C-alpha atoms as a PDB file:
ATOM      1  CA  MET A   1       0.000   0.000   0.000  1.00  0.00           C
ATOM      2  CA  THR A   2       1.368   3.390  -0.926  1.00  0.00           C
ATOM      3  CA  ALA A   3       0.068   6.922  -0.596  1.00  0.00           C
ATOM      4  CA  TRP A   4       1.461  10.213  -1.820  1.00  0.00           C
ATOM      5  CA  ILE A   5       0.530  13.803  -2.573  1.00  0.00           C
ATOM      6  CA  GLU A   6       0.036  14.717  -6.187  1.00  0.00           C
ATOM      7  CA  GLY A   7      -1.194  18.133  -7.261  1.00  0.00           C
ATOM      8  CA  GLY A   8      -3.204  18.938  -4.147  1.00  0.00           C
ATOM      9  CA  ARG A   9      -4.659  15.462  -3.912  1.00  0.00           C
ATOM     10  CA  VAL A  10      -3.807  12.316  -2.016  1.00  0.00           C
ATOM     11  CA  VAL A  11      -3.387   9.163  -4.069  1.00  0.00           C
ATOM     12  CA  VAL A  12      -3.662   5.810  -2.314  1.00  0.00           C
ATOM     13  CA  ARG A  13      -2.793   2.696  -4.270  1.00  0.00           C
ATOM     14  CA  GLY A  14      -3.124  -0.908  -3.263  1.00  0.00           C
ATOM     15  CA  ARG A  15      -2.614  -4.050  -5.307  1.00  0.00           C
ATOM     16  CA  GLU A  16      -6.114  -4.026  -6.749  1.00  0.00           C
ATOM     17  CA  TRP A  17      -7.521  -0.555  -6.156  1.00  0.00           C
ATOM     18  CA  ARG A  18      -6.731   3.120  -6.152  1.00  0.00           C
ATOM     19  CA  GLU A  19      -8.335   6.082  -4.413  1.00  0.00           C
ATOM     20  CA  VAL A  20      -7.780   9.781  -5.080  1.00  0.00           C
ATOM     21  CA  PHE A  21      -9.163  12.541  -2.876  1.00  0.00           C
ATOM     22  CA  ASP A  22      -8.544  16.208  -2.128  1.00  0.00           C
ATOM     23  CA  LEU A  23      -5.791  16.855   0.391  1.00  0.00           C
ATOM     24  CA  GLU A  24      -8.199  18.688   2.701  1.00  0.00           C
ATOM     25  CA  LEU A  25     -10.125  15.427   3.163  1.00  0.00           C
ATOM     26  CA  LEU A  26      -7.153  13.547   4.629  1.00  0.00           C
ATOM     27  CA  PRO A  27      -8.334  13.799   8.270  1.00  0.00           C
ATOM     28  CA  ARG A  28     -11.795  12.532   7.307  1.00  0.00           C
ATOM     29  CA  ARG A  29     -10.436   9.637   5.252  1.00  0.00           C
ATOM     30  CA  LEU A  30      -8.096   8.636   8.090  1.00  0.00           C
ATOM     31  CA  ALA A  31     -11.026   8.710  10.511  1.00  0.00           C
ATOM     32  CA  PHE A  32     -13.072   6.629   8.056  1.00  0.00           C
ATOM     33  CA  TYR A  33     -10.430   3.901   7.732  1.00  0.00           C
ATOM     34  CA  ARG A  34      -9.728   3.912  11.466  1.00  0.00           C
ATOM     35  CA  GLY A  35     -13.443   3.427  12.046  1.00  0.00           C
ATOM     36  CA  LEU A  36     -13.538   0.507   9.628  1.00  0.00           C
ATOM     37  CA  ALA A  37     -10.550  -1.039  11.381  1.00  0.00           C
ATOM     38  CA  ALA A  38     -12.211  -0.714  14.785  1.00  0.00           C
ATOM     39  CA  ARG A  39     -15.446  -2.441  13.766  1.00  0.00           C
ATOM     40  CA  ALA A  40     -16.398  -5.565  15.638  1.00  0.00           C
ATOM     41  CA  GLY A  41     -13.900  -4.958  18.407  1.00  0.00           C
ATOM     42  CA  GLY A  42     -10.970  -4.518  16.021  1.00  0.00           C
ATOM     43  CA  ARG A  43     -11.673  -7.629  13.983  1.00  0.00           C
ATOM     44  CA  TYR A  44     -10.825  -5.737  10.779  1.00  0.00           C
ATOM     45  CA  ALA A  45      -7.738  -3.910  12.080  1.00  0.00           C
ATOM     46  CA  ALA A  46      -5.267  -6.059  10.163  1.00  0.00           C
ATOM     47  CA  HIS A  47      -7.182  -5.569   6.923  1.00  0.00           C
ATOM     48  CA  TYR A  48      -6.964  -1.770   7.114  1.00  0.00           C
ATOM     49  CA  ALA A  49      -3.571  -1.416   8.834  1.00  0.00           C
ATOM     50  CA  GLN A  50      -1.596  -0.812   5.640  1.00  0.00           C
ATOM     51  CA  THR A  51      -4.036   1.800   4.359  1.00  0.00           C
ATOM     52  CA  ILE A  52      -3.980   3.635   7.681  1.00  0.00           C
ATOM     53  CA  ALA A  53      -0.182   3.506   7.837  1.00  0.00           C
ATOM     54  CA  ALA A  54       0.118   4.872   4.294  1.00  0.00           C
ATOM     55  CA  LEU A  55      -2.254   7.742   5.057  1.00  0.00           C
ATOM     56  CA  GLU A  56      -0.478   8.460   8.342  1.00  0.00           C
ATOM     57  CA  SER A  57       2.791   8.741   6.413  1.00  0.00           C
ATOM     58  CA  VAL A  58       1.225  11.411   4.197  1.00  0.00           C
ATOM     59  CA  GLU A  59      -0.065  13.159   7.315  1.00  0.00           C
ATOM     60  CA  ALA A  60       3.430  13.060   8.864  1.00  0.00           C
ATOM     61  CA  GLN A  61       4.918  14.456   5.677  1.00  0.00           C
ATOM     62  CA  LEU A  62       2.482  17.376   5.816  1.00  0.00           C
ATOM     63  CA  GLU A  63       3.343  18.002   9.455  1.00  0.00           C
ATOM     64  CA  GLY A  64       7.054  17.942   8.654  1.00  0.00           C
ATOM     65  CA  ARG A  65       7.741  14.727  10.558  1.00  0.00           C
ATOM     66  CA  SER A  66       9.119  12.725   7.653  1.00  0.00           C
END
């Protein structure tokens, strides 16, 4: 799973899918994926871990932590 900033948008790419959204939506998309991961007492955490980590890396880059 990889994520990067491209022209004011965030691009997330997995093996079989790709998502592109405006940079300003990053906090909402992170919250969305964290919520999916937490469903059913965390049963889906492993499934969404790579997506969350990729988005957190973009967030860190924006905050100057990378």
